[in-house]
């Protein structure tokens, strides 16, 4: 009977140790899960930040492209105006050359004294 009691106490002690080990393992698992959740939350925050930066970069890129297109349109308009002004200047030069090569007009008559 003493041997059975000692064996029961030994088994009970082993079970207690096993329960303690299991409790520690559960605590470590819970701590690890908490760390994992915190890390996941941080990753989600960083991802949101990166998406925000990407959206900002895309917005800036669109603005730059719109500005470039405005500049190109304005340059095209100015080139057209410059071409029209060149044609006008050439026509004025031709008219000036024509007028200067024509015979001078007769002098106005002098009034009698």
N, C-alpha and C. Protein backbone atom coordinates (compact mmCIF):
# COMPACT_ATOMS: atom_id res chain seq x y z
N UNK A 1 0.81 -1.18 0.00
CA UNK A 1 0.00 0.00 0.00
C UNK A 1 0.87 1.26 0.00
N UNK A 2 1.94 1.28 0.67
CA UNK A 2 2.88 2.41 0.72
C UNK A 2 3.48 2.65 -0.68
N UNK A 3 3.76 1.56 -1.36
CA UNK A 3 4.33 1.68 -2.71
C UNK A 3 3.31 2.32 -3.64
N UNK A 4 2.05 1.95 -3.52
CA UNK A 4 1.01 2.54 -4.35
C UNK A 4 0.85 4.03 -4.05
N UNK A 5 0.94 4.36 -2.75
CA UNK A 5 0.81 5.76 -2.36
C UNK A 5 1.97 6.57 -2.93
N UNK A 6 3.20 6.02 -2.85
CA UNK A 6 4.38 6.71 -3.37
C UNK A 6 4.28 6.85 -4.90
N UNK A 7 3.81 5.80 -5.54
CA UNK A 7 3.67 5.84 -6.99
C UNK A 7 2.60 6.88 -7.39
N UNK A 8 1.51 6.94 -6.65
CA UNK A 8 0.45 7.91 -6.92
C UNK A 8 0.96 9.33 -6.72
N UNK A 9 1.75 9.51 -5.64
CA UNK A 9 2.32 10.84 -5.39
C UNK A 9 3.30 11.21 -6.50
N UNK A 10 4.06 10.24 -6.97
CA UNK A 10 5.03 10.48 -8.05
C UNK A 10 4.29 10.85 -9.34
N UNK A 11 3.24 10.11 -9.65
CA UNK A 11 2.45 10.40 -10.85
C UNK A 11 1.79 11.78 -10.72
N UNK A 12 1.29 12.08 -9.50
CA UNK A 12 0.66 13.38 -9.27
C UNK A 12 1.68 14.50 -9.46
N UNK A 13 2.91 14.30 -8.97
CA UNK A 13 3.97 15.30 -9.11
C UNK A 13 4.32 15.48 -10.59
N UNK A 14 4.40 14.38 -11.34
CA UNK A 14 4.69 14.47 -12.77
C UNK A 14 3.57 15.21 -13.50
N UNK A 15 2.32 14.91 -13.10
CA UNK A 15 1.19 15.59 -13.72
C UNK A 15 1.21 17.09 -13.41
N UNK A 16 1.57 17.43 -12.16
CA UNK A 16 1.68 18.84 -11.79
C UNK A 16 2.74 19.54 -12.64
N UNK A 17 3.89 18.86 -12.79
CA UNK A 17 4.96 19.44 -13.62
C UNK A 17 4.50 19.60 -15.07
N UNK A 18 3.78 18.59 -15.54
CA UNK A 18 3.28 18.65 -16.91
C UNK A 18 2.28 19.80 -17.07
N UNK A 19 1.42 19.99 -16.08
CA UNK A 19 0.46 21.09 -16.11
C UNK A 19 1.20 22.43 -16.09
N UNK A 20 2.25 22.52 -15.24
CA UNK A 20 3.03 23.76 -15.18
C UNK A 20 3.71 24.03 -16.53
N UNK A 21 4.29 22.99 -17.14
CA UNK A 21 4.94 23.15 -18.46
C UNK A 21 3.91 23.61 -19.50
N UNK A 22 2.74 22.99 -19.47
CA UNK A 22 1.68 23.35 -20.41
C UNK A 22 1.23 24.80 -20.19
N UNK A 23 1.09 25.19 -18.93
CA UNK A 23 0.71 26.58 -18.62
C UNK A 23 1.75 27.56 -19.13
N UNK A 24 3.06 27.24 -18.91
CA UNK A 24 4.12 28.11 -19.41
C UNK A 24 4.09 28.18 -20.95
N UNK A 25 3.87 27.03 -21.58
CA UNK A 25 3.82 27.00 -23.04
C UNK A 25 2.65 27.84 -23.55
N UNK A 26 1.50 27.76 -22.87
CA UNK A 26 0.34 28.57 -23.26
C UNK A 26 0.63 30.05 -23.09
N UNK A 27 1.30 30.41 -21.97
CA UNK A 27 1.66 31.81 -21.74
C UNK A 27 2.59 32.32 -22.83
N UNK A 28 3.58 31.48 -23.18
CA UNK A 28 4.52 31.87 -24.25
C UNK A 28 3.79 32.00 -25.58
N UNK A 29 2.86 31.09 -25.83
CA UNK A 29 2.09 31.14 -27.07
C UNK A 29 1.24 32.41 -27.11
N UNK A 30 0.59 32.74 -26.00
CA UNK A 30 -0.21 33.96 -25.94
C UNK A 30 0.67 35.20 -26.12
N UNK A 31 1.84 35.19 -25.48
CA UNK A 31 2.76 36.31 -25.63
C UNK A 31 3.21 36.42 -27.08
N UNK A 32 3.54 35.28 -27.68
CA UNK A 32 3.94 35.27 -29.09
C UNK A 32 2.82 35.75 -30.00
N UNK A 33 1.58 35.35 -29.69
CA UNK A 33 0.44 35.80 -30.50
C UNK A 33 0.26 37.32 -30.34
N UNK A 34 0.45 37.82 -29.13
CA UNK A 34 0.36 39.27 -28.91
C UNK A 34 1.41 40.01 -29.70
N UNK A 35 2.64 39.47 -29.69
CA UNK A 35 3.71 40.09 -30.46
C UNK A 35 3.41 40.02 -31.96
N UNK A 36 2.85 38.87 -32.37
CA UNK A 36 2.51 38.72 -33.79
C UNK A 36 1.43 39.71 -34.18
N UNK A 37 0.41 39.88 -33.34
CA UNK A 37 -0.65 40.84 -33.63
C UNK A 37 -0.11 42.26 -33.68
N UNK A 38 0.78 42.58 -32.75
CA UNK A 38 1.38 43.92 -32.75
C UNK A 38 2.21 44.13 -34.02
N UNK A 39 2.97 43.11 -34.41
CA UNK A 39 3.77 43.22 -35.63
C UNK A 39 2.87 43.35 -36.86
N UNK A 40 1.80 42.59 -36.88
CA UNK A 40 0.85 42.66 -38.00
C UNK A 40 0.23 44.05 -38.08
N UNK A 41 -0.14 44.59 -36.94
CA UNK A 41 -0.72 45.94 -36.91
C UNK A 41 0.28 46.95 -37.45
N UNK A 42 1.55 46.82 -37.05
CA UNK A 42 2.59 47.75 -37.51
C UNK A 42 2.79 47.61 -39.03
N UNK A 43 2.76 46.37 -39.52
CA UNK A 43 2.91 46.15 -40.96
C UNK A 43 1.74 46.80 -41.70
N UNK A 44 0.52 46.67 -41.14
CA UNK A 44 -0.64 47.29 -41.77
C UNK A 44 -0.51 48.82 -41.77
N UNK A 45 0.00 49.37 -40.68
CA UNK A 45 0.21 50.82 -40.62
C UNK A 45 1.23 51.26 -41.67
N UNK A 46 2.33 50.50 -41.77
CA UNK A 46 3.36 50.84 -42.76
C UNK A 46 2.81 50.71 -44.18
N UNK A 47 2.00 49.67 -44.41
CA UNK A 47 1.40 49.47 -45.72
C UNK A 47 0.49 50.64 -46.07
N UNK A 48 -0.30 51.08 -45.11
CA UNK A 48 -1.17 52.23 -45.34
C UNK A 48 -0.33 53.47 -45.65
N UNK A 49 0.78 53.62 -44.93
CA UNK A 49 1.66 54.76 -45.17
C UNK A 49 2.26 54.70 -46.57
N UNK A 50 2.69 53.50 -46.98
CA UNK A 50 3.26 53.33 -48.32
C UNK A 50 2.20 53.62 -49.38
N UNK A 51 0.98 53.12 -49.16
CA UNK A 51 -0.10 53.39 -50.12
C UNK A 51 -0.36 54.89 -50.21
N UNK A 52 -0.33 55.57 -49.05
CA UNK A 52 -0.51 57.02 -49.05
C UNK A 52 0.57 57.72 -49.84
N UNK A 53 1.82 57.27 -49.64
CA UNK A 53 2.94 57.86 -50.39
C UNK A 53 2.79 57.59 -51.88
N UNK A 54 2.39 56.37 -52.20
CA UNK A 54 2.22 56.01 -53.60
C UNK A 54 1.13 56.87 -54.23
N UNK A 55 0.03 57.03 -53.50
CA UNK A 55 -1.06 57.86 -54.02
C UNK A 55 -0.57 59.30 -54.21
N UNK A 56 0.21 59.79 -53.26
CA UNK A 56 0.75 61.15 -53.36
C UNK A 56 1.68 61.25 -54.56
N UNK A 57 2.55 60.24 -54.73
CA UNK A 57 3.47 60.23 -55.87
C UNK A 57 2.69 60.19 -57.18
N UNK A 58 1.64 59.35 -57.23
CA UNK A 58 0.85 59.26 -58.46
C UNK A 58 0.15 60.58 -58.73
N UNK A 59 -0.33 61.23 -57.69
CA UNK A 59 -0.99 62.53 -57.84
C UNK A 59 0.00 63.56 -58.36
N UNK A 60 1.20 63.57 -57.80
CA UNK A 60 2.23 64.51 -58.26
C UNK A 60 2.60 64.23 -59.71
N UNK A 61 2.68 62.94 -60.06
CA UNK A 61 3.02 62.57 -61.43
C UNK A 61 1.93 63.05 -62.39
N UNK A 62 0.65 62.89 -62.00
CA UNK A 62 -0.44 63.39 -62.84
C UNK A 62 -0.35 64.91 -62.99
N UNK A 63 -0.07 65.60 -61.89
CA UNK A 63 0.06 67.06 -61.95
C UNK A 63 1.20 67.47 -62.88
N UNK A 64 2.34 66.76 -62.78
CA UNK A 64 3.47 67.07 -63.66
C UNK A 64 3.09 66.84 -65.13
N UNK A 65 2.38 65.74 -65.38
CA UNK A 65 1.98 65.43 -66.75
C UNK A 65 1.00 66.49 -67.28
N UNK A 66 0.05 66.91 -66.44
CA UNK A 66 -0.89 67.95 -66.85
C UNK A 66 -0.15 69.26 -67.13
N UNK A 67 0.81 69.58 -66.28
CA UNK A 67 1.60 70.81 -66.48
C UNK A 67 2.41 70.72 -67.77
N UNK A 68 2.97 69.55 -68.04
CA UNK A 68 3.75 69.35 -69.28
C UNK A 68 2.84 69.53 -70.49
N UNK A 69 1.62 68.98 -70.43
CA UNK A 69 0.68 69.12 -71.55
C UNK A 69 0.27 70.58 -71.74
N UNK A 70 0.02 71.29 -70.63
CA UNK A 70 -0.31 72.72 -70.73
C UNK A 70 0.84 73.48 -71.39
N UNK A 71 2.06 73.17 -70.95
CA UNK A 71 3.24 73.82 -71.52
C UNK A 71 3.33 73.55 -73.01
N UNK A 72 3.11 72.28 -73.41
CA UNK A 72 3.19 71.93 -74.84
C UNK A 72 2.12 72.67 -75.65
N UNK A 73 0.90 72.76 -75.11
CA UNK A 73 -0.16 73.50 -75.81
C UNK A 73 0.21 74.98 -75.95
N UNK A 74 0.71 75.55 -74.87
CA UNK A 74 1.09 76.97 -74.88
C UNK A 74 2.23 77.20 -75.86
N UNK A 75 3.19 76.29 -75.87
CA UNK A 75 4.32 76.43 -76.80
C UNK A 75 3.82 76.34 -78.25
N UNK A 76 2.91 75.40 -78.51
CA UNK A 76 2.35 75.27 -79.85
C UNK A 76 1.63 76.53 -80.28
N UNK A 77 0.84 77.09 -79.34
CA UNK A 77 0.12 78.34 -79.64
C UNK A 77 1.11 79.47 -79.94
N UNK A 78 2.16 79.56 -79.13
CA UNK A 78 3.15 80.63 -79.33
C UNK A 78 3.90 80.43 -80.65
N UNK A 79 4.19 79.19 -81.03
CA UNK A 79 4.86 78.94 -82.31
C UNK A 79 3.96 79.35 -83.47
N UNK A 80 2.65 79.06 -83.34
CA UNK A 80 1.72 79.49 -84.39
C UNK A 80 1.69 81.01 -84.50
N UNK A 81 1.63 81.68 -83.37
CA UNK A 81 1.63 83.15 -83.37
C UNK A 81 2.93 83.69 -83.97
N UNK A 82 4.04 83.07 -83.62
CA UNK A 82 5.33 83.50 -84.16
C UNK A 82 5.36 83.33 -85.68
N UNK A 83 4.80 82.21 -86.15
CA UNK A 83 4.73 81.99 -87.60
C UNK A 83 3.89 83.04 -88.28
N UNK A 84 2.74 83.36 -87.67
CA UNK A 84 1.85 84.38 -88.25
C UNK A 84 2.55 85.74 -88.24
N UNK A 85 3.26 86.05 -87.17
CA UNK A 85 3.98 87.34 -87.11
C UNK A 85 5.10 87.39 -88.14
N UNK A 86 5.76 86.27 -88.38
CA UNK A 86 6.83 86.22 -89.38
C UNK A 86 6.25 86.51 -90.77
N UNK A 87 5.10 85.89 -91.06
CA UNK A 87 4.45 86.12 -92.36
C UNK A 87 4.07 87.59 -92.49
N UNK A 88 3.52 88.16 -91.44
CA UNK A 88 3.13 89.57 -91.46
C UNK A 88 4.34 90.48 -91.66
N UNK A 89 5.42 90.19 -90.94
CA UNK A 89 6.65 91.00 -91.08
C UNK A 89 7.19 90.92 -92.50
N UNK A 90 7.20 89.70 -93.06
CA UNK A 90 7.68 89.54 -94.43
C UNK A 90 6.83 90.37 -95.40
N UNK A 91 5.50 90.33 -95.20
CA UNK A 91 4.61 91.10 -96.09
C UNK A 91 4.87 92.60 -95.93
N UNK A 92 5.07 93.05 -94.71
CA UNK A 92 5.36 94.48 -94.48
C UNK A 92 6.69 94.88 -95.12
N UNK A 93 7.69 94.01 -95.02
CA UNK A 93 8.98 94.31 -95.66
C UNK A 93 8.82 94.42 -97.16
N UNK A 94 8.07 93.49 -97.74
CA UNK A 94 7.87 93.53 -99.19
C UNK A 94 7.16 94.83 -99.60
N UNK A 95 6.15 95.21 -98.82
CA UNK A 95 5.43 96.46 -99.13
C UNK A 95 6.35 97.66 -98.97
N UNK A 96 7.19 97.65 -97.96
CA UNK A 96 8.14 98.75 -97.75
C UNK A 96 9.13 98.81 -98.90
N UNK A 97 9.65 97.64 -99.31
CA UNK A 97 10.58 97.59 -100.45
C UNK A 97 9.89 98.12 -101.71
N UNK A 98 8.66 97.72 -101.94
CA UNK A 98 7.93 98.16 -103.13
C UNK A 98 7.74 99.68 -103.11
N UNK A 99 7.37 100.18 -101.96
CA UNK A 99 7.15 101.63 -101.87
C UNK A 99 8.45 102.41 -102.01
N UNK A 100 9.53 101.90 -101.47
CA UNK A 100 10.79 102.65 -101.54
C UNK A 100 11.42 102.56 -102.93
N UNK A 101 11.09 101.52 -103.71
CA UNK A 101 11.68 101.41 -105.05
C UNK A 101 10.84 102.17 -106.08
N UNK A 102 9.65 102.56 -105.76
CA UNK A 102 8.80 103.32 -106.68
C UNK A 102 9.40 104.71 -106.88
N UNK A 103 9.07 105.32 -108.00
CA UNK A 103 9.61 106.66 -108.24
C UNK A 103 9.07 107.62 -107.21
N UNK A 104 9.91 108.54 -106.80
CA UNK A 104 9.46 109.48 -105.78
C UNK A 104 8.33 110.34 -106.32
N UNK A 105 7.45 110.72 -105.48
CA UNK A 105 6.32 111.55 -105.95
C UNK A 105 6.83 112.94 -106.40
N UNK A 106 6.13 113.55 -107.32
CA UNK A 106 6.58 114.89 -107.79
C UNK A 106 6.49 115.88 -106.64
N UNK A 107 7.39 116.88 -106.67
CA UNK A 107 7.34 117.86 -105.59
C UNK A 107 6.05 118.67 -105.69
N UNK A 108 5.55 119.11 -104.56
CA UNK A 108 4.32 119.91 -104.63
C UNK A 108 4.59 121.24 -105.36
N UNK A 109 3.60 121.70 -106.03
CA UNK A 109 3.83 122.96 -106.77
C UNK A 109 4.12 124.10 -105.80
N UNK A 110 5.02 124.92 -106.23
CA UNK A 110 5.37 126.07 -105.37
C UNK A 110 4.40 127.22 -105.67
N UNK A 111 3.89 127.83 -104.67
CA UNK A 111 2.94 128.92 -104.91
C UNK A 111 3.68 130.14 -105.49
N UNK A 112 3.03 130.86 -106.40
CA UNK A 112 3.68 132.05 -106.98
C UNK A 112 3.84 133.16 -105.94
N UNK A 113 4.89 133.89 -106.05
CA UNK A 113 5.12 134.97 -105.06
C UNK A 113 4.24 136.17 -105.19
